[in-house]
Each structure stands twice: as structure tokens, then as C-alpha cells.
């Protein structure tokens, strides 16, 4: 599946908030959207607000339109509130779970770990970042990654701050 490989700070500036896609960000320095006409004031409509929220979710989770659309359609078919079901499905992606467990700094790094085959799910290598993790699945990193300095540093920070609920 494809992914966005362009400038990350541009996305943060477009949304007007820090998306935690990388370490530093220019949102604080420039208070306008990117591009030649970013300084022009434009009144936002209801449609525009909905679109910005959708784009924000897509960018935070690192999925493109087609994959997001398919996930939304599945969330619509499920019983419950569609928006909550959509976020649940996005959080069950393997790259998101790796990030939430504190094994990676960001979803992009979690995606890289999965794509390079460093993650085991129930003892088997899985290299698909969009793999849906189910409750009860056992996740672990391969032995060669347990001594990786980035992983060790991330895990030590996670132990200090604690895992999310």
C-alpha cells in the first residue's frame, strides 16, 4: 500500500496543530497554512470543518483515501456509533498497536518496523502494517531488535511514563 512521503511539517501547518509526525514542527513559527496563498483569510464552512477533521484523522493514522474509505465503510456496517467504530478499527492496525505499546516513537516508525519484518504476531512474522490485531494476540519484536538502541530508548521512556489505557 502507498503512503505519504512528502514534508511532514506541511501537514501540521495545514491542520493548524502538531500531529506528532516527527520531532520538531513549524506550527509555532508560522501561524498560516502552507503555500503561496496561505495567508489569505477564508471563512470556513461546515463542509470545510468536516473535511479538515477527516483529513486530520487520515494524517494522524497515516492512511490514504482508498484505505480510509474502506475502513469507514466497514465501520458503517458495524453496530454502534460509526465514528467510534472507525477509530477502533484504525487503532487495531498493527502499526498503531506497536506505537501504543511504546515500541516505536511514531506510527511511521511502527510502520517501518512492521514493514521490515521485525514484528511477530502469535510467533509468526507479519509485514503488513494494516494487519488487524485481535484481542488476545501476542505481539513481540524479533530477538535482533530487542537490543536496538532506538527500541531500548523508546521502551525506557514508555516505562517512565506508563502505557496508555
C-alpha atoms as a PDB file:
ATOM      1  CA  UNK A   1       0.000   0.000   0.000  1.00  0.00           C
ATOM      2  CA  UNK A   2       1.180   3.525  -0.649  1.00  0.00           C
ATOM      3  CA  UNK A   3       1.977   6.132   1.952  1.00  0.00           C
ATOM      4  CA  UNK A   4       2.628   9.864   2.081  1.00  0.00           C
ATOM      5  CA  UNK A   5       6.344  10.590   1.700  1.00  0.00           C
ATOM      6  CA  UNK A   6       6.233  14.385   1.423  1.00  0.00           C
ATOM      7  CA  UNK A   7       7.108  17.039   4.008  1.00  0.00           C
ATOM      8  CA  UNK A   8       5.636  16.249   7.430  1.00  0.00           C
ATOM      9  CA  UNK A   9       5.637  19.775   8.850  1.00  0.00           C
ATOM     10  CA  UNK A  10       3.478  20.864   5.916  1.00  0.00           C
ATOM     11  CA  UNK A  11       0.712  18.569   7.174  1.00  0.00           C
ATOM     12  CA  UNK A  12       0.940  20.001  10.686  1.00  0.00           C
ATOM     13  CA  UNK A  13       0.750  23.554   9.352  1.00  0.00           C
ATOM     14  CA  UNK A  14      -2.207  22.667   7.118  1.00  0.00           C
ATOM     15  CA  UNK A  15      -4.140  21.286  10.094  1.00  0.00           C
ATOM     16  CA  UNK A  16      -3.000  24.105  12.390  1.00  0.00           C
ATOM     17  CA  UNK A  17      -1.801  21.794  15.156  1.00  0.00           C
ATOM     18  CA  UNK A  18       1.072  19.499  15.970  1.00  0.00           C
ATOM     19  CA  UNK A  19       0.311  15.987  14.676  1.00  0.00           C
ATOM     20  CA  UNK A  20       3.399  14.385  16.292  1.00  0.00           C
ATOM     21  CA  UNK A  21       4.547  13.008  12.957  1.00  0.00           C
ATOM     22  CA  UNK A  22       8.166  13.944  13.704  1.00  0.00           C
ATOM     23  CA  UNK A  23      10.161  15.616  16.450  1.00  0.00           C
ATOM     24  CA  UNK A  24      10.260  19.314  15.541  1.00  0.00           C
ATOM     25  CA  UNK A  25       7.485  21.209  13.845  1.00  0.00           C
ATOM     26  CA  UNK A  26       6.998  24.685  12.384  1.00  0.00           C
ATOM     27  CA  UNK A  27       3.407  25.168  13.602  1.00  0.00           C
ATOM     28  CA  UNK A  28       4.561  27.537  16.342  1.00  0.00           C
ATOM     29  CA  UNK A  29       6.737  29.604  13.992  1.00  0.00           C
ATOM     30  CA  UNK A  30       4.219  30.147  11.220  1.00  0.00           C
ATOM     31  CA  UNK A  31       0.599  30.668  12.008  1.00  0.00           C
ATOM     32  CA  UNK A  32      -0.730  30.122   8.482  1.00  0.00           C
ATOM     33  CA  UNK A  33      -1.329  27.152   6.201  1.00  0.00           C
ATOM     34  CA  UNK A  34       1.468  26.256   3.769  1.00  0.00           C
ATOM     35  CA  UNK A  35       1.540  27.540   0.219  1.00  0.00           C
ATOM     36  CA  UNK A  36       1.560  30.808  -1.664  1.00  0.00           C
ATOM     37  CA  UNK A  37      -1.962  31.787  -0.622  1.00  0.00           C
ATOM     38  CA  UNK A  38      -1.863  30.509   2.942  1.00  0.00           C
ATOM     39  CA  UNK A  39      -2.071  33.977   4.476  1.00  0.00           C
ATOM     40  CA  UNK A  40      -5.416  34.819   2.848  1.00  0.00           C
ATOM     41  CA  UNK A  41      -8.323  34.682   5.282  1.00  0.00           C
ATOM     42  CA  UNK A  42     -11.163  32.464   4.259  1.00  0.00           C
ATOM     43  CA  UNK A  43     -14.303  31.765   6.232  1.00  0.00           C
ATOM     44  CA  UNK A  44     -14.672  28.071   6.975  1.00  0.00           C
ATOM     45  CA  UNK A  45     -17.948  26.335   6.161  1.00  0.00           C
ATOM     46  CA  UNK A  46     -19.488  23.322   7.868  1.00  0.00           C
ATOM     47  CA  UNK A  47     -18.304  21.143   4.986  1.00  0.00           C
ATOM     48  CA  UNK A  48     -14.803  22.565   5.391  1.00  0.00           C
ATOM     49  CA  UNK A  49     -14.747  21.694   9.109  1.00  0.00           C
ATOM     50  CA  UNK A  50     -15.838  18.113   8.396  1.00  0.00           C
ATOM     51  CA  UNK A  51     -13.226  17.779   5.660  1.00  0.00           C
ATOM     52  CA  UNK A  52     -10.452  19.104   7.938  1.00  0.00           C
ATOM     53  CA  UNK A  53     -11.422  16.578  10.646  1.00  0.00           C
ATOM     54  CA  UNK A  54     -11.383  13.726   8.152  1.00  0.00           C
ATOM     55  CA  UNK A  55      -8.004  14.809   6.775  1.00  0.00           C
ATOM     56  CA  UNK A  56      -6.667  15.128  10.317  1.00  0.00           C
ATOM     57  CA  UNK A  57      -7.615  11.533  11.162  1.00  0.00           C
ATOM     58  CA  UNK A  58      -6.157  10.261   7.882  1.00  0.00           C
ATOM     59  CA  UNK A  59      -2.887  12.056   8.507  1.00  0.00           C
ATOM     60  CA  UNK A  60      -2.542  11.009  12.132  1.00  0.00           C
ATOM     61  CA  UNK A  61      -3.026   7.330  11.255  1.00  0.00           C
ATOM     62  CA  UNK A  62      -1.024   7.536   8.019  1.00  0.00           C
ATOM     63  CA  UNK A  63      -3.624   6.047   5.679  1.00  0.00           C
ATOM     64  CA  UNK A  64      -4.565   7.267   2.227  1.00  0.00           C
ATOM     65  CA  UNK A  65      -8.056   7.903   0.899  1.00  0.00           C
ATOM     66  CA  UNK A  66      -8.899   4.451  -0.509  1.00  0.00           C
ATOM     67  CA  UNK A  67      -7.865   2.578   2.630  1.00  0.00           C
ATOM     68  CA  UNK A  68      -9.622   5.145   4.828  1.00  0.00           C
ATOM     69  CA  UNK A  69     -12.775   4.824   2.737  1.00  0.00           C
ATOM     70  CA  UNK A  70     -12.776   1.018   3.044  1.00  0.00           C
ATOM     71  CA  UNK A  71     -12.262   1.270   6.804  1.00  0.00           C
ATOM     72  CA  UNK A  72     -15.106   3.776   7.055  1.00  0.00           C
ATOM     73  CA  UNK A  73     -17.445   1.502   5.109  1.00  0.00           C
ATOM     74  CA  UNK A  74     -16.613  -1.375   7.450  1.00  0.00           C
ATOM     75  CA  UNK A  75     -17.231   0.876  10.461  1.00  0.00           C
ATOM     76  CA  UNK A  76     -20.594   1.829   8.974  1.00  0.00           C
ATOM     77  CA  UNK A  77     -21.613  -1.829   8.709  1.00  0.00           C
ATOM     78  CA  UNK A  78     -20.839  -2.470  12.381  1.00  0.00           C
ATOM     79  CA  UNK A  79     -23.358  -1.782  15.087  1.00  0.00           C
ATOM     80  CA  UNK A  80     -22.614   1.267  17.181  1.00  0.00           C
ATOM     81  CA  UNK A  81     -21.588   4.825  16.512  1.00  0.00           C
ATOM     82  CA  UNK A  82     -19.776   4.949  13.179  1.00  0.00           C
ATOM     83  CA  UNK A  83     -17.127   7.470  14.273  1.00  0.00           C
ATOM     84  CA  UNK A  84     -16.156   5.445  17.326  1.00  0.00           C
ATOM     85  CA  UNK A  85     -16.082   2.221  15.324  1.00  0.00           C
ATOM     86  CA  UNK A  86     -13.857   3.909  12.732  1.00  0.00           C
ATOM     87  CA  UNK A  87     -11.352   4.977  15.371  1.00  0.00           C
ATOM     88  CA  UNK A  88     -11.414   1.490  16.919  1.00  0.00           C
ATOM     89  CA  UNK A  89     -10.615  -0.075  13.560  1.00  0.00           C
ATOM     90  CA  UNK A  90      -7.789   2.401  12.954  1.00  0.00           C
ATOM     91  CA  UNK A  91      -6.359   1.748  16.428  1.00  0.00           C
ATOM     92  CA  UNK A  92      -6.378  -2.018  15.771  1.00  0.00           C
ATOM     93  CA  UNK A  93      -3.894  -1.634  12.898  1.00  0.00           C
ATOM     94  CA  UNK A  94      -0.576  -3.293  13.706  1.00  0.00           C
ATOM     95  CA  UNK A  95       1.475  -0.117  13.210  1.00  0.00           C
ATOM     96  CA  UNK A  96      -0.794   1.768  15.649  1.00  0.00           C
ATOM     97  CA  UNK A  97      -0.637  -1.002  18.233  1.00  0.00           C
ATOM     98  CA  UNK A  98       3.184  -1.108  18.039  1.00  0.00           C
ATOM     99  CA  UNK A  99       3.241   2.640  18.648  1.00  0.00           C
ATOM    100  CA  UNK A 100       0.750   2.451  21.541  1.00  0.00           C
ATOM    101  CA  UNK A 101       2.816  -0.298  23.172  1.00  0.00           C
ATOM    102  CA  UNK A 102       5.779   2.062  23.216  1.00  0.00           C
ATOM    103  CA  UNK A 103       7.962   0.046  20.849  1.00  0.00           C
ATOM    104  CA  UNK A 104       8.150   2.917  18.339  1.00  0.00           C
ATOM    105  CA  UNK A 105       8.238   6.717  18.579  1.00  0.00           C
ATOM    106  CA  UNK A 106       5.630   7.287  15.909  1.00  0.00           C
ATOM    107  CA  UNK A 107       3.250   5.408  13.658  1.00  0.00           C
ATOM    108  CA  UNK A 108       5.691   5.907  10.796  1.00  0.00           C
ATOM    109  CA  UNK A 109       8.427   4.197  12.774  1.00  0.00           C
ATOM    110  CA  UNK A 110       5.997   1.458  13.827  1.00  0.00           C
ATOM    111  CA  UNK A 111       5.057   1.021  10.175  1.00  0.00           C
ATOM    112  CA  UNK A 112       8.742   0.710   9.301  1.00  0.00           C
ATOM    113  CA  UNK A 113       9.337  -1.946  11.977  1.00  0.00           C
ATOM    114  CA  UNK A 114       6.396  -3.959  10.668  1.00  0.00           C
ATOM    115  CA  UNK A 115       7.321  -3.497   7.013  1.00  0.00           C
ATOM    116  CA  UNK A 116      10.890  -4.630   7.622  1.00  0.00           C
ATOM    117  CA  UNK A 117       9.664  -7.805   9.294  1.00  0.00           C
ATOM    118  CA  UNK A 118      10.767  -7.034  12.874  1.00  0.00           C
ATOM    119  CA  UNK A 119       7.398  -7.828  14.475  1.00  0.00           C
ATOM    120  CA  UNK A 120       5.996 -11.229  15.447  1.00  0.00           C
ATOM    121  CA  UNK A 121       2.266 -11.764  15.934  1.00  0.00           C
ATOM    122  CA  UNK A 122       1.491 -15.043  17.690  1.00  0.00           C
ATOM    123  CA  UNK A 123       5.008 -16.244  16.858  1.00  0.00           C
ATOM    124  CA  UNK A 124       4.778 -15.521  13.116  1.00  0.00           C
ATOM    125  CA  UNK A 125       6.360 -12.658  11.190  1.00  0.00           C
ATOM    126  CA  UNK A 126       3.822 -10.149   9.913  1.00  0.00           C
ATOM    127  CA  UNK A 127       4.988  -7.458   7.489  1.00  0.00           C
ATOM    128  CA  UNK A 128       1.667  -5.773   6.719  1.00  0.00           C
ATOM    129  CA  UNK A 129       1.199  -2.501   8.672  1.00  0.00           C
ATOM    130  CA  UNK A 130      -2.582  -2.580   8.189  1.00  0.00           C
ATOM    131  CA  UNK A 131      -2.856  -6.074   9.714  1.00  0.00           C
ATOM    132  CA  UNK A 132      -5.751  -6.011  12.179  1.00  0.00           C
ATOM    133  CA  UNK A 133      -4.724  -7.126  15.655  1.00  0.00           C
ATOM    134  CA  UNK A 134      -7.348  -9.028  17.620  1.00  0.00           C
ATOM    135  CA  UNK A 135      -7.716  -9.183  21.398  1.00  0.00           C
ATOM    136  CA  UNK A 136      -5.547 -11.984  22.740  1.00  0.00           C
ATOM    137  CA  UNK A 137      -2.873 -11.751  20.033  1.00  0.00           C
ATOM    138  CA  UNK A 138       0.696 -11.843  21.351  1.00  0.00           C
ATOM    139  CA  UNK A 139       2.986  -9.190  19.904  1.00  0.00           C
ATOM    140  CA  UNK A 140       6.756  -9.117  20.231  1.00  0.00           C
ATOM    141  CA  UNK A 141       9.821  -7.866  18.448  1.00  0.00           C
ATOM    142  CA  UNK A 142      12.321 -10.257  16.940  1.00  0.00           C
ATOM    143  CA  UNK A 143      15.393 -11.002  19.056  1.00  0.00           C
ATOM    144  CA  UNK A 144      17.707  -8.885  16.895  1.00  0.00           C
ATOM    145  CA  UNK A 145      15.544  -5.809  17.553  1.00  0.00           C
ATOM    146  CA  UNK A 146      15.372  -6.177  21.335  1.00  0.00           C
ATOM    147  CA  UNK A 147      18.925  -4.791  21.609  1.00  0.00           C
ATOM    148  CA  UNK A 148      18.377  -1.981  19.083  1.00  0.00           C
ATOM    149  CA  UNK A 149      19.250   1.315  20.789  1.00  0.00           C
ATOM    150  CA  UNK A 150      16.175   3.139  19.445  1.00  0.00           C
ATOM    151  CA  UNK A 151      13.867   0.417  20.739  1.00  0.00           C
ATOM    152  CA  UNK A 152      15.615   0.298  24.120  1.00  0.00           C
ATOM    153  CA  UNK A 153      15.401   4.095  24.461  1.00  0.00           C
ATOM    154  CA  UNK A 154      11.730   4.160  23.459  1.00  0.00           C
ATOM    155  CA  UNK A 155      10.866   1.335  25.848  1.00  0.00           C
ATOM    156  CA  UNK A 156      12.677   3.046  28.754  1.00  0.00           C
ATOM    157  CA  UNK A 157      10.695   6.244  28.128  1.00  0.00           C
ATOM    158  CA  UNK A 158       7.497   4.185  27.971  1.00  0.00           C
ATOM    159  CA  UNK A 159       8.270   2.575  31.328  1.00  0.00           C
ATOM    160  CA  UNK A 160       8.776   6.020  32.867  1.00  0.00           C
ATOM    161  CA  UNK A 161       5.517   7.450  31.513  1.00  0.00           C
ATOM    162  CA  UNK A 162       3.473   4.247  31.503  1.00  0.00           C
ATOM    163  CA  UNK A 163       1.328   2.607  28.852  1.00  0.00           C
ATOM    164  CA  UNK A 164      -1.980   4.138  27.752  1.00  0.00           C
ATOM    165  CA  UNK A 165      -5.194   2.522  28.905  1.00  0.00           C
END
